[in-house]
Amino acid sequence: MSRHEFLTVDVFTATRFGGNPLAVFPDARGIPEAALAALGAEFNLSETTFVLPPEDPAHTARVRIFGPREELPFAGHPNVGTAFVLAHRQPNPPARFLFEEPAGLVAVDLLRDASGTVTGARVAAPRPLTVAAEVPPDIIAACAGLTAAEIVTALHPPAIASVGMPFAIAEVADIAALARAAPDLAALRAAATRFPAAPGFKLLLHCRPGADPTRRRVRMFAPLSGVTEDPATGSAAAALVALLLARSQEASATLDIDQGEALGRPSRIEAAARRAPDGAIIATVAGSCVPVLAGYARL
């Protein structure tokens, strides 16, 4: 029997037991391949990460990300949390980590407080924005248990957007509609079949909670992937800010995103996007972390 160290951190929060919990295996060497998915299911968090030696020694690590039912090509809060964990295991961590992931190379810049202590990280999405398809509002409404009139198109039509992980993204009319939303499994299965560009039809709903156009409140449902609702979804936040920038004439955009209130795990995500010289839209997400648990898995 072998022992493998893990740590958990709450991500996109400065308060323990807020944000999105993440389990990190900082040295996953020796863990059997079949055990990676099994451990992701055992922890039953939105994601669990496994840190392995990089294929290119110029990079920091190869990071594999598992949800309860599947391996993911990229995700936001796992990169923030993994960088936080690795930084706190080094006496002098670098300013930037480079993680090899299926979606591409992920650059993660550490965030520090006035004393120099690492408090979190900023993650650059590995791919520029792509929009695979628009989704009729009635399909979004059915998936979210809302009426078609509550799906609005003032900022953008509902669409499948990705910066490394695809999401169906839609704006809802107001906070009341967002609060009423609930995933409908039958409708989600039908949408996933109709839109194969969005495996599992992960659904991000958003609205403006007040007068400030740079604030968004969001909820993300992915029950077909084993996550009924996610407390904080960095990859979806990155896709959202990139999609909104694409619909504007601006050179850059920022959003302060609140998520997790419905789960009692309030989260805050700082999202930003910019237009590259070639016109591609590049996104980042940032946030803080709090350490919670440490232990060993016995395999």
C-alpha atoms as a PDB file:
ATOM      1  CA  MET A   1       0.000   0.000   0.000  1.00  0.00           C
ATOM      2  CA  SER A   2       1.330   3.451  -0.932  1.00  0.00           C
ATOM      3  CA  ARG A   3       0.565   6.850   0.613  1.00  0.00           C
ATOM      4  CA  HIS A   4       0.084   9.986  -1.472  1.00  0.00           C
ATOM      5  CA  GLU A   5      -0.133  13.445   0.071  1.00  0.00           C
ATOM      6  CA  PHE A   6      -3.048  15.738  -0.712  1.00  0.00           C
ATOM      7  CA  LEU A   7      -4.050  19.214   0.403  1.00  0.00           C
ATOM      8  CA  THR A   8      -7.304  21.102  -0.014  1.00  0.00           C
ATOM      9  CA  VAL A   9      -7.767  24.813  -0.510  1.00  0.00           C
ATOM     10  CA  ASP A  10     -10.817  27.028  -0.901  1.00  0.00           C
ATOM     11  CA  VAL A  11     -10.374  29.025  -4.109  1.00  0.00           C
ATOM     12  CA  PHE A  12     -11.747  32.424  -5.165  1.00  0.00           C
ATOM     13  CA  THR A  13     -12.249  33.464  -1.558  1.00  0.00           C
ATOM     14  CA  ALA A  14     -10.332  34.922   1.367  1.00  0.00           C
ATOM     15  CA  THR A  15     -12.638  33.179   3.863  1.00  0.00           C
ATOM     16  CA  ARG A  16     -12.271  29.542   4.881  1.00  0.00           C
ATOM     17  CA  PHE A  17     -15.268  27.432   3.825  1.00  0.00           C
ATOM     18  CA  GLY A  18     -16.172  29.949   1.133  1.00  0.00           C
ATOM     19  CA  GLY A  19     -15.253  29.771  -2.526  1.00  0.00           C
ATOM     20  CA  ASN A  20     -14.733  26.505  -4.402  1.00  0.00           C
ATOM     21  CA  PRO A  21     -12.892  23.679  -2.603  1.00  0.00           C
ATOM     22  CA  LEU A  22     -10.096  21.940  -4.488  1.00  0.00           C
ATOM     23  CA  ALA A  23      -8.021  18.868  -3.670  1.00  0.00           C
ATOM     24  CA  VAL A  24      -4.404  18.928  -4.868  1.00  0.00           C
ATOM     25  CA  PHE A  25      -1.958  16.021  -5.042  1.00  0.00           C
ATOM     26  CA  PRO A  26       1.299  17.998  -5.258  1.00  0.00           C
ATOM     27  CA  ASP A  27       3.361  14.943  -6.244  1.00  0.00           C
ATOM     28  CA  ALA A  28       1.227  12.451  -8.147  1.00  0.00           C
ATOM     29  CA  ARG A  29       4.100  10.262  -9.279  1.00  0.00           C
ATOM     30  CA  GLY A  30       3.320   6.631  -8.576  1.00  0.00           C
ATOM     31  CA  ILE A  31      -0.454   7.028  -8.549  1.00  0.00           C
ATOM     32  CA  PRO A  32      -1.872   4.415 -10.949  1.00  0.00           C
ATOM     33  CA  GLU A  33      -3.662   5.817 -13.989  1.00  0.00           C
ATOM     34  CA  ALA A  34      -6.962   4.192 -13.028  1.00  0.00           C
ATOM     35  CA  ALA A  35      -6.755   5.721  -9.550  1.00  0.00           C
ATOM     36  CA  LEU A  36      -6.768   9.305 -10.876  1.00  0.00           C
ATOM     37  CA  ALA A  37     -10.410   9.197 -11.937  1.00  0.00           C
ATOM     38  CA  ALA A  38     -11.277   7.143  -8.858  1.00  0.00           C
ATOM     39  CA  LEU A  39      -9.777   9.773  -6.570  1.00  0.00           C
ATOM     40  CA  GLY A  40     -11.631  12.527  -8.423  1.00  0.00           C
ATOM     41  CA  ALA A  41     -14.855  10.624  -7.770  1.00  0.00           C
ATOM     42  CA  GLU A  42     -13.868   9.882  -4.156  1.00  0.00           C
ATOM     43  CA  PHE A  43     -13.274  13.533  -3.285  1.00  0.00           C
ATOM     44  CA  ASN A  44     -16.457  14.426  -5.218  1.00  0.00           C
ATOM     45  CA  LEU A  45     -15.396  18.056  -5.527  1.00  0.00           C
ATOM     46  CA  SER A  46     -15.790  20.066  -8.702  1.00  0.00           C
ATOM     47  CA  GLU A  47     -12.147  19.225  -9.440  1.00  0.00           C
ATOM     48  CA  THR A  48      -9.111  17.429  -8.050  1.00  0.00           C
ATOM     49  CA  THR A  49      -5.630  18.045  -9.497  1.00  0.00           C
ATOM     50  CA  PHE A  50      -2.612  15.797  -9.860  1.00  0.00           C
ATOM     51  CA  VAL A  51       0.814  17.373 -10.321  1.00  0.00           C
ATOM     52  CA  LEU A  52       3.338  15.453 -12.422  1.00  0.00           C
ATOM     53  CA  PRO A  53       6.779  16.224 -13.900  1.00  0.00           C
ATOM     54  CA  PRO A  54       6.529  18.325 -17.067  1.00  0.00           C
ATOM     55  CA  GLU A  55       7.214  16.876 -20.489  1.00  0.00           C
ATOM     56  CA  ASP A  56       9.276  20.002 -21.242  1.00  0.00           C
ATOM     57  CA  PRO A  57      11.745  20.791 -18.425  1.00  0.00           C
ATOM     58  CA  ALA A  58      11.336  24.502 -19.179  1.00  0.00           C
ATOM     59  CA  HIS A  59       7.827  24.256 -17.711  1.00  0.00           C
ATOM     60  CA  THR A  60       6.813  23.898 -14.076  1.00  0.00           C
ATOM     61  CA  ALA A  61       4.637  20.792 -14.134  1.00  0.00           C
ATOM     62  CA  ARG A  62       2.099  18.721 -15.981  1.00  0.00           C
ATOM     63  CA  VAL A  63      -1.270  19.134 -14.273  1.00  0.00           C
ATOM     64  CA  ARG A  64      -4.156  16.738 -14.756  1.00  0.00           C
ATOM     65  CA  ILE A  65      -7.612  17.838 -13.640  1.00  0.00           C
ATOM     66  CA  PHE A  66     -10.381  15.397 -12.743  1.00  0.00           C
ATOM     67  CA  GLY A  67     -13.969  16.112 -11.852  1.00  0.00           C
ATOM     68  CA  PRO A  68     -16.303  13.527 -10.299  1.00  0.00           C
ATOM     69  CA  ARG A  69     -16.930  11.885 -13.689  1.00  0.00           C
ATOM     70  CA  GLU A  70     -14.349  13.080 -16.211  1.00  0.00           C
ATOM     71  CA  GLU A  71     -10.916  14.494 -16.890  1.00  0.00           C
ATOM     72  CA  LEU A  72     -11.008  18.141 -17.919  1.00  0.00           C
ATOM     73  CA  PRO A  73      -8.757  19.834 -20.497  1.00  0.00           C
ATOM     74  CA  PHE A  74      -8.586  23.076 -18.486  1.00  0.00           C
ATOM     75  CA  ALA A  75     -10.318  24.740 -15.552  1.00  0.00           C
ATOM     76  CA  GLY A  76      -9.820  27.983 -13.691  1.00  0.00           C
ATOM     77  CA  HIS A  77     -10.034  27.321  -9.968  1.00  0.00           C
ATOM     78  CA  PRO A  78      -7.817  24.195 -10.161  1.00  0.00           C
ATOM     79  CA  ASN A  79      -5.004  26.245 -11.672  1.00  0.00           C
ATOM     80  CA  VAL A  80      -5.340  29.015  -9.090  1.00  0.00           C
ATOM     81  CA  GLY A  81      -5.414  26.532  -6.227  1.00  0.00           C
ATOM     82  CA  THR A  82      -2.639  24.295  -7.546  1.00  0.00           C
ATOM     83  CA  ALA A  83      -0.316  27.265  -8.011  1.00  0.00           C
ATOM     84  CA  PHE A  84      -1.128  28.441  -4.470  1.00  0.00           C
ATOM     85  CA  VAL A  85      -0.304  25.004  -3.032  1.00  0.00           C
ATOM     86  CA  LEU A  86       2.949  24.642  -4.971  1.00  0.00           C
ATOM     87  CA  ALA A  87       4.048  28.170  -4.078  1.00  0.00           C
ATOM     88  CA  HIS A  88       3.603  27.497  -0.365  1.00  0.00           C
ATOM     89  CA  ARG A  89       5.798  24.400  -0.639  1.00  0.00           C
ATOM     90  CA  GLN A  90       8.765  26.431  -1.907  1.00  0.00           C
ATOM     91  CA  PRO A  91      10.913  28.897   0.069  1.00  0.00           C
ATOM     92  CA  ASN A  92      11.262  31.217  -2.918  1.00  0.00           C
ATOM     93  CA  PRO A  93       8.573  30.502  -5.511  1.00  0.00           C
ATOM     94  CA  PRO A  94       8.898  32.099  -8.941  1.00  0.00           C
ATOM     95  CA  ALA A  95       6.579  34.853 -10.077  1.00  0.00           C
ATOM     96  CA  ARG A  96       5.040  32.576 -12.719  1.00  0.00           C
ATOM     97  CA  PHE A  97       4.275  28.892 -13.099  1.00  0.00           C
ATOM     98  CA  LEU A  98       3.761  27.208 -16.475  1.00  0.00           C
ATOM     99  CA  PHE A  99       1.443  24.199 -16.388  1.00  0.00           C
ATOM    100  CA  GLU A 100       1.097  21.691 -19.219  1.00  0.00           C
ATOM    101  CA  GLU A 101      -2.563  20.706 -19.680  1.00  0.00           C
ATOM    102  CA  PRO A 102      -4.574  19.064 -22.470  1.00  0.00           C
ATOM    103  CA  ALA A 103      -5.982  22.445 -23.584  1.00  0.00           C
ATOM    104  CA  GLY A 104      -2.474  23.936 -23.855  1.00  0.00           C
ATOM    105  CA  LEU A 105       0.178  25.675 -21.803  1.00  0.00           C
ATOM    106  CA  VAL A 106      -1.335  27.600 -18.874  1.00  0.00           C
ATOM    107  CA  ALA A 107       0.580  30.578 -17.427  1.00  0.00           C
ATOM    108  CA  VAL A 108      -0.208  31.269 -13.772  1.00  0.00           C
ATOM    109  CA  ASP A 109       1.101  34.426 -12.082  1.00  0.00           C
ATOM    110  CA  LEU A 110       1.234  34.424  -8.291  1.00  0.00           C
ATOM    111  CA  LEU A 111      -0.512  37.159  -6.302  1.00  0.00           C
ATOM    112  CA  ARG A 112       1.092  38.423  -3.102  1.00  0.00           C
ATOM    113  CA  ASP A 113       0.129  40.697  -0.230  1.00  0.00           C
ATOM    114  CA  ALA A 114       2.168  43.648   1.036  1.00  0.00           C
ATOM    115  CA  SER A 115       4.440  41.326   3.004  1.00  0.00           C
ATOM    116  CA  GLY A 116       5.192  39.184  -0.050  1.00  0.00           C
ATOM    117  CA  THR A 117       3.093  36.210   1.067  1.00  0.00           C
ATOM    118  CA  VAL A 118       1.385  34.381  -1.796  1.00  0.00           C
ATOM    119  CA  THR A 119      -2.381  34.881  -1.482  1.00  0.00           C
ATOM    120  CA  GLY A 120      -3.667  33.559  -4.791  1.00  0.00           C
ATOM    121  CA  ALA A 121      -2.997  33.574  -8.506  1.00  0.00           C
ATOM    122  CA  ARG A 122      -3.972  34.936 -11.912  1.00  0.00           C
ATOM    123  CA  VAL A 123      -4.526  32.367 -14.658  1.00  0.00           C
ATOM    124  CA  ALA A 124      -4.225  33.053 -18.382  1.00  0.00           C
ATOM    125  CA  ALA A 125      -6.611  30.883 -20.377  1.00  0.00           C
ATOM    126  CA  PRO A 126      -4.682  28.616 -22.744  1.00  0.00           C
ATOM    127  CA  ARG A 127      -6.728  29.429 -25.852  1.00  0.00           C
ATOM    128  CA  PRO A 128      -8.296  32.541 -27.380  1.00  0.00           C
ATOM    129  CA  LEU A 129     -12.058  32.874 -27.422  1.00  0.00           C
ATOM    130  CA  THR A 130     -13.986  30.648 -29.803  1.00  0.00           C
ATOM    131  CA  VAL A 131     -17.755  30.699 -30.234  1.00  0.00           C
ATOM    132  CA  ALA A 132     -18.975  27.377 -31.594  1.00  0.00           C
ATOM    133  CA  ALA A 133     -22.683  28.083 -31.977  1.00  0.00           C
ATOM    134  CA  GLU A 134     -25.604  30.190 -30.854  1.00  0.00           C
ATOM    135  CA  VAL A 135     -28.255  28.439 -28.772  1.00  0.00           C
ATOM    136  CA  PRO A 136     -31.974  29.295 -29.047  1.00  0.00           C
ATOM    137  CA  PRO A 137     -33.245  30.985 -25.876  1.00  0.00           C
ATOM    138  CA  ASP A 138     -36.008  28.411 -25.443  1.00  0.00           C
ATOM    139  CA  ILE A 139     -33.418  25.634 -25.122  1.00  0.00           C
ATOM    140  CA  ILE A 140     -31.546  27.567 -22.438  1.00  0.00           C
ATOM    141  CA  ALA A 141     -34.818  28.267 -20.657  1.00  0.00           C
ATOM    142  CA  ALA A 142     -35.774  24.587 -20.655  1.00  0.00           C
ATOM    143  CA  CYS A 143     -32.344  23.575 -19.321  1.00  0.00           C
ATOM    144  CA  ALA A 144     -32.574  26.139 -16.511  1.00  0.00           C
ATOM    145  CA  GLY A 145     -36.247  25.729 -15.561  1.00  0.00           C
ATOM    146  CA  LEU A 146     -37.055  29.281 -16.679  1.00  0.00           C
ATOM    147  CA  THR A 147     -39.323  30.853 -19.279  1.00  0.00           C
ATOM    148  CA  ALA A 148     -37.960  31.924 -22.647  1.00  0.00           C
ATOM    149  CA  ALA A 149     -38.834  35.540 -21.767  1.00  0.00           C
ATOM    150  CA  GLU A 150     -36.359  35.364 -18.875  1.00  0.00           C
ATOM    151  CA  ILE A 151     -33.462  34.664 -21.268  1.00  0.00           C
ATOM    152  CA  VAL A 152     -32.350  38.026 -22.647  1.00  0.00           C
ATOM    153  CA  THR A 153     -30.111  38.914 -25.562  1.00  0.00           C
ATOM    154  CA  ALA A 154     -29.231  42.554 -24.911  1.00  0.00           C
ATOM    155  CA  LEU A 155     -25.529  41.840 -24.452  1.00  0.00           C
ATOM    156  CA  HIS A 156     -25.228  38.668 -26.524  1.00  0.00           C
ATOM    157  CA  PRO A 157     -27.349  35.801 -27.788  1.00  0.00           C
ATOM    158  CA  PRO A 158     -26.944  32.571 -25.833  1.00  0.00           C
ATOM    159  CA  ALA A 159     -23.844  30.881 -27.195  1.00  0.00           C
ATOM    160  CA  ILE A 160     -21.343  28.093 -26.698  1.00  0.00           C
ATOM    161  CA  ALA A 161     -18.083  29.863 -25.897  1.00  0.00           C
ATOM    162  CA  SER A 162     -14.693  28.575 -24.830  1.00  0.00           C
ATOM    163  CA  VAL A 163     -11.202  29.703 -23.872  1.00  0.00           C
ATOM    164  CA  GLY A 164     -10.141  26.117 -23.143  1.00  0.00           C
ATOM    165  CA  MET A 165     -13.379  24.624 -21.780  1.00  0.00           C
ATOM    166  CA  PRO A 166     -16.738  25.093 -23.575  1.00  0.00           C
ATOM    167  CA  PHE A 167     -19.810  26.455 -21.811  1.00  0.00           C
ATOM    168  CA  ALA A 168     -23.287  27.403 -22.910  1.00  0.00           C
ATOM    169  CA  ILE A 169     -23.516  31.023 -21.721  1.00  0.00           C
ATOM    170  CA  ALA A 170     -26.732  33.016 -21.406  1.00  0.00           C
ATOM    171  CA  GLU A 171     -27.881  36.222 -19.738  1.00  0.00           C
ATOM    172  CA  VAL A 172     -31.034  36.145 -17.621  1.00  0.00           C
ATOM    173  CA  ALA A 173     -33.385  39.019 -16.979  1.00  0.00           C
ATOM    174  CA  ASP A 174     -32.636  39.730 -13.329  1.00  0.00           C
ATOM    175  CA  ILE A 175     -31.434  38.376  -9.994  1.00  0.00           C
ATOM    176  CA  ALA A 176     -34.849  36.872  -9.283  1.00  0.00           C
ATOM    177  CA  ALA A 177     -34.664  34.768 -12.443  1.00  0.00           C
ATOM    178  CA  LEU A 178     -31.110  33.742 -11.607  1.00  0.00           C
ATOM    179  CA  ALA A 179     -32.214  32.668  -8.132  1.00  0.00           C
ATOM    180  CA  ARG A 180     -35.108  30.587  -9.539  1.00  0.00           C
ATOM    181  CA  ALA A 181     -32.946  28.739 -12.049  1.00  0.00           C
ATOM    182  CA  ALA A 182     -32.649  24.986 -11.526  1.00  0.00           C
ATOM    183  CA  PRO A 183     -31.140  22.435 -13.897  1.00  0.00           C
ATOM    184  CA  ASP A 184     -33.493  20.146 -15.827  1.00  0.00           C
ATOM    185  CA  LEU A 185     -31.678  16.879 -16.562  1.00  0.00           C
ATOM    186  CA  ALA A 186     -33.842  15.798 -19.478  1.00  0.00           C
ATOM    187  CA  ALA A 187     -33.487  19.162 -21.200  1.00  0.00           C
ATOM    188  CA  LEU A 188     -29.730  19.210 -20.556  1.00  0.00           C
ATOM    189  CA  ARG A 189     -29.327  15.729 -22.046  1.00  0.00           C
ATOM    190  CA  ALA A 190     -31.250  16.806 -25.138  1.00  0.00           C
ATOM    191  CA  ALA A 191     -29.145  19.968 -25.461  1.00  0.00           C
ATOM    192  CA  ALA A 192     -25.911  18.008 -25.056  1.00  0.00           C
ATOM    193  CA  THR A 193     -26.982  15.735 -27.912  1.00  0.00           C
ATOM    194  CA  ARG A 194     -27.947  18.672 -30.129  1.00  0.00           C
ATOM    195  CA  PHE A 195     -24.772  20.667 -29.351  1.00  0.00           C
ATOM    196  CA  PRO A 196     -21.803  18.275 -29.256  1.00  0.00           C
ATOM    197  CA  ALA A 197     -19.417  21.259 -29.152  1.00  0.00           C
ATOM    198  CA  ALA A 198     -20.444  21.625 -25.489  1.00  0.00           C
ATOM    199  CA  PRO A 199     -19.882  18.188 -23.886  1.00  0.00           C
ATOM    200  CA  GLY A 200     -22.180  17.789 -20.917  1.00  0.00           C
ATOM    201  CA  PHE A 201     -23.791  21.134 -21.810  1.00  0.00           C
ATOM    202  CA  LYS A 202     -22.260  23.001 -18.887  1.00  0.00           C
ATOM    203  CA  LEU A 203     -24.532  26.035 -18.447  1.00  0.00           C
ATOM    204  CA  LEU A 204     -23.449  29.448 -17.163  1.00  0.00           C
ATOM    205  CA  LEU A 205     -26.205  31.968 -16.416  1.00  0.00           C
ATOM    206  CA  HIS A 206     -25.391  35.577 -15.597  1.00  0.00           C
ATOM    207  CA  CYS A 207     -27.043  38.889 -14.818  1.00  0.00           C
ATOM    208  CA  ARG A 208     -26.076  42.360 -13.627  1.00  0.00           C
ATOM    209  CA  PRO A 209     -26.826  42.673  -9.895  1.00  0.00           C
ATOM    210  CA  GLY A 210     -26.904  46.496  -9.847  1.00  0.00           C
ATOM    211  CA  ALA A 211     -26.027  49.610 -11.769  1.00  0.00           C
ATOM    212  CA  ASP A 212     -22.320  48.812 -12.199  1.00  0.00           C
ATOM    213  CA  PRO A 213     -21.816  47.271 -15.675  1.00  0.00           C
ATOM    214  CA  THR A 214     -18.553  45.632 -14.579  1.00  0.00           C
ATOM    215  CA  ARG A 215     -20.305  43.487 -11.933  1.00  0.00           C
ATOM    216  CA  ARG A 216     -21.902  40.150 -12.764  1.00  0.00           C
ATOM    217  CA  ARG A 217     -23.605  37.522 -10.659  1.00  0.00           C
ATOM    218  CA  VAL A 218     -23.469  34.018 -12.109  1.00  0.00           C
ATOM    219  CA  ARG A 219     -24.498  30.422 -11.536  1.00  0.00           C
ATOM    220  CA  MET A 220     -23.053  27.395 -13.322  1.00  0.00           C
ATOM    221  CA  PHE A 221     -24.810  24.039 -13.643  1.00  0.00           C
ATOM    222  CA  ALA A 222     -23.083  20.876 -14.900  1.00  0.00           C
ATOM    223  CA  PRO A 223     -25.066  17.912 -13.547  1.00  0.00           C
ATOM    224  CA  LEU A 224     -24.233  15.748 -16.565  1.00  0.00           C
ATOM    225  CA  SER A 225     -20.589  16.049 -15.490  1.00  0.00           C
ATOM    226  CA  GLY A 226     -21.340  15.276 -11.849  1.00  0.00           C
ATOM    227  CA  VAL A 227     -21.497  18.891 -10.626  1.00  0.00           C
ATOM    228  CA  THR A 228     -25.085  19.924  -9.959  1.00  0.00           C
ATOM    229  CA  GLU A 229     -23.955  23.496  -9.287  1.00  0.00           C
ATOM    230  CA  ASP A 230     -20.442  24.915  -9.034  1.00  0.00           C
ATOM    231  CA  PRO A 231     -19.495  27.469  -6.352  1.00  0.00           C
ATOM    232  CA  ALA A 232     -16.933  29.235  -8.586  1.00  0.00           C
ATOM    233  CA  THR A 233     -16.037  28.518 -12.201  1.00  0.00           C
ATOM    234  CA  GLY A 234     -12.932  30.324 -13.442  1.00  0.00           C
ATOM    235  CA  SER A 235     -12.946  28.881 -16.944  1.00  0.00           C
ATOM    236  CA  ALA A 236     -16.574  29.955 -17.417  1.00  0.00           C
ATOM    237  CA  ALA A 237     -15.819  33.429 -16.034  1.00  0.00           C
ATOM    238  CA  ALA A 238     -12.961  33.750 -18.520  1.00  0.00           C
ATOM    239  CA  ALA A 239     -15.220  32.687 -21.385  1.00  0.00           C
ATOM    240  CA  LEU A 240     -17.901  35.150 -20.254  1.00  0.00           C
ATOM    241  CA  VAL A 241     -15.646  38.213 -20.117  1.00  0.00           C
ATOM    242  CA  ALA A 242     -14.125  37.243 -23.477  1.00  0.00           C
ATOM    243  CA  LEU A 243     -17.574  36.816 -25.036  1.00  0.00           C
ATOM    244  CA  LEU A 244     -18.746  40.206 -23.759  1.00  0.00           C
ATOM    245  CA  LEU A 245     -15.601  41.866 -25.105  1.00  0.00           C
ATOM    246  CA  ALA A 246     -16.175  40.230 -28.491  1.00  0.00           C
ATOM    247  CA  ARG A 247     -19.614  41.861 -28.645  1.00  0.00           C
ATOM    248  CA  SER A 248     -18.184  45.328 -27.962  1.00  0.00           C
ATOM    249  CA  GLN A 249     -15.808  47.671 -29.751  1.00  0.00           C
ATOM    250  CA  GLU A 250     -13.487  48.015 -26.755  1.00  0.00           C
ATOM    251  CA  ALA A 251      -9.851  46.924 -26.554  1.00  0.00           C
ATOM    252  CA  SER A 252     -10.249  45.331 -23.129  1.00  0.00           C
ATOM    253  CA  ALA A 253     -12.826  44.471 -20.480  1.00  0.00           C
ATOM    254  CA  THR A 254     -12.921  43.565 -16.794  1.00  0.00           C
ATOM    255  CA  LEU A 255     -15.587  41.937 -14.645  1.00  0.00           C
ATOM    256  CA  ASP A 256     -16.008  41.362 -10.923  1.00  0.00           C
ATOM    257  CA  ILE A 257     -17.980  38.139 -10.727  1.00  0.00           C
ATOM    258  CA  ASP A 258     -19.952  36.873  -7.728  1.00  0.00           C
ATOM    259  CA  GLN A 259     -20.831  33.198  -7.620  1.00  0.00           C
ATOM    260  CA  GLY A 260     -21.695  30.551  -5.044  1.00  0.00           C
ATOM    261  CA  GLU A 261     -24.228  32.514  -2.995  1.00  0.00           C
ATOM    262  CA  ALA A 262     -26.935  29.919  -3.644  1.00  0.00           C
ATOM    263  CA  LEU A 263     -24.655  27.237  -2.174  1.00  0.00           C
ATOM    264  CA  GLY A 264     -23.587  29.187   0.887  1.00  0.00           C
ATOM    265  CA  ARG A 265     -20.051  29.434  -0.524  1.00  0.00           C
ATOM    266  CA  PRO A 266     -19.700  33.037  -1.750  1.00  0.00           C
ATOM    267  CA  SER A 267     -16.932  33.462  -4.311  1.00  0.00           C
ATOM    268  CA  ARG A 268     -15.330  36.425  -6.036  1.00  0.00           C
ATOM    269  CA  ILE A 269     -13.605  36.082  -9.407  1.00  0.00           C
ATOM    270  CA  GLU A 270     -11.693  38.877 -11.130  1.00  0.00           C
ATOM    271  CA  ALA A 271     -11.987  38.321 -14.872  1.00  0.00           C
ATOM    272  CA  ALA A 272     -10.359  40.297 -17.670  1.00  0.00           C
ATOM    273  CA  ALA A 273     -10.012  40.077 -21.441  1.00  0.00           C
ATOM    274  CA  ARG A 274      -8.048  41.940 -24.077  1.00  0.00           C
ATOM    275  CA  ARG A 275      -7.733  42.023 -27.837  1.00  0.00           C
ATOM    276  CA  ALA A 276      -4.369  40.764 -29.068  1.00  0.00           C
ATOM    277  CA  PRO A 277      -2.718  42.457 -32.084  1.00  0.00           C
ATOM    278  CA  ASP A 278      -4.042  39.696 -34.345  1.00  0.00           C
ATOM    279  CA  GLY A 279      -7.601  40.277 -33.095  1.00  0.00           C
ATOM    280  CA  ALA A 280      -7.769  37.198 -30.887  1.00  0.00           C
ATOM    281  CA  ILE A 281      -9.408  37.716 -27.497  1.00  0.00           C
ATOM    282  CA  ILE A 282      -7.342  36.504 -24.547  1.00  0.00           C
ATOM    283  CA  ALA A 283      -8.811  36.126 -21.042  1.00  0.00           C
ATOM    284  CA  THR A 284      -7.534  35.814 -17.477  1.00  0.00           C
ATOM    285  CA  VAL A 285      -9.119  35.084 -14.110  1.00  0.00           C
ATOM    286  CA  ALA A 286      -7.708  35.783 -10.654  1.00  0.00           C
ATOM    287  CA  GLY A 287      -8.565  35.204  -7.044  1.00  0.00           C
ATOM    288  CA  SER A 288      -7.431  34.352  -3.551  1.00  0.00           C
ATOM    289  CA  CYS A 289      -7.074  31.005  -1.744  1.00  0.00           C
ATOM    290  CA  VAL A 290      -7.342  29.697   1.813  1.00  0.00           C
ATOM    291  CA  PRO A 291      -5.758  26.383   2.919  1.00  0.00           C
ATOM    292  CA  VAL A 292      -8.095  23.959   4.702  1.00  0.00           C
ATOM    293  CA  LEU A 293      -7.096  20.271   4.895  1.00  0.00           C
ATOM    294  CA  ALA A 294      -4.009  18.076   4.530  1.00  0.00           C
ATOM    295  CA  GLY A 295      -3.756  14.306   4.536  1.00  0.00           C
ATOM    296  CA  TYR A 296      -2.836  11.128   2.670  1.00  0.00           C
ATOM    297  CA  ALA A 297      -4.629   8.860   0.268  1.00  0.00           C
ATOM    298  CA  ARG A 298      -3.842   5.146   0.700  1.00  0.00           C
ATOM    299  CA  LEU A 299      -3.717   3.176  -2.541  1.00  0.00           C
END
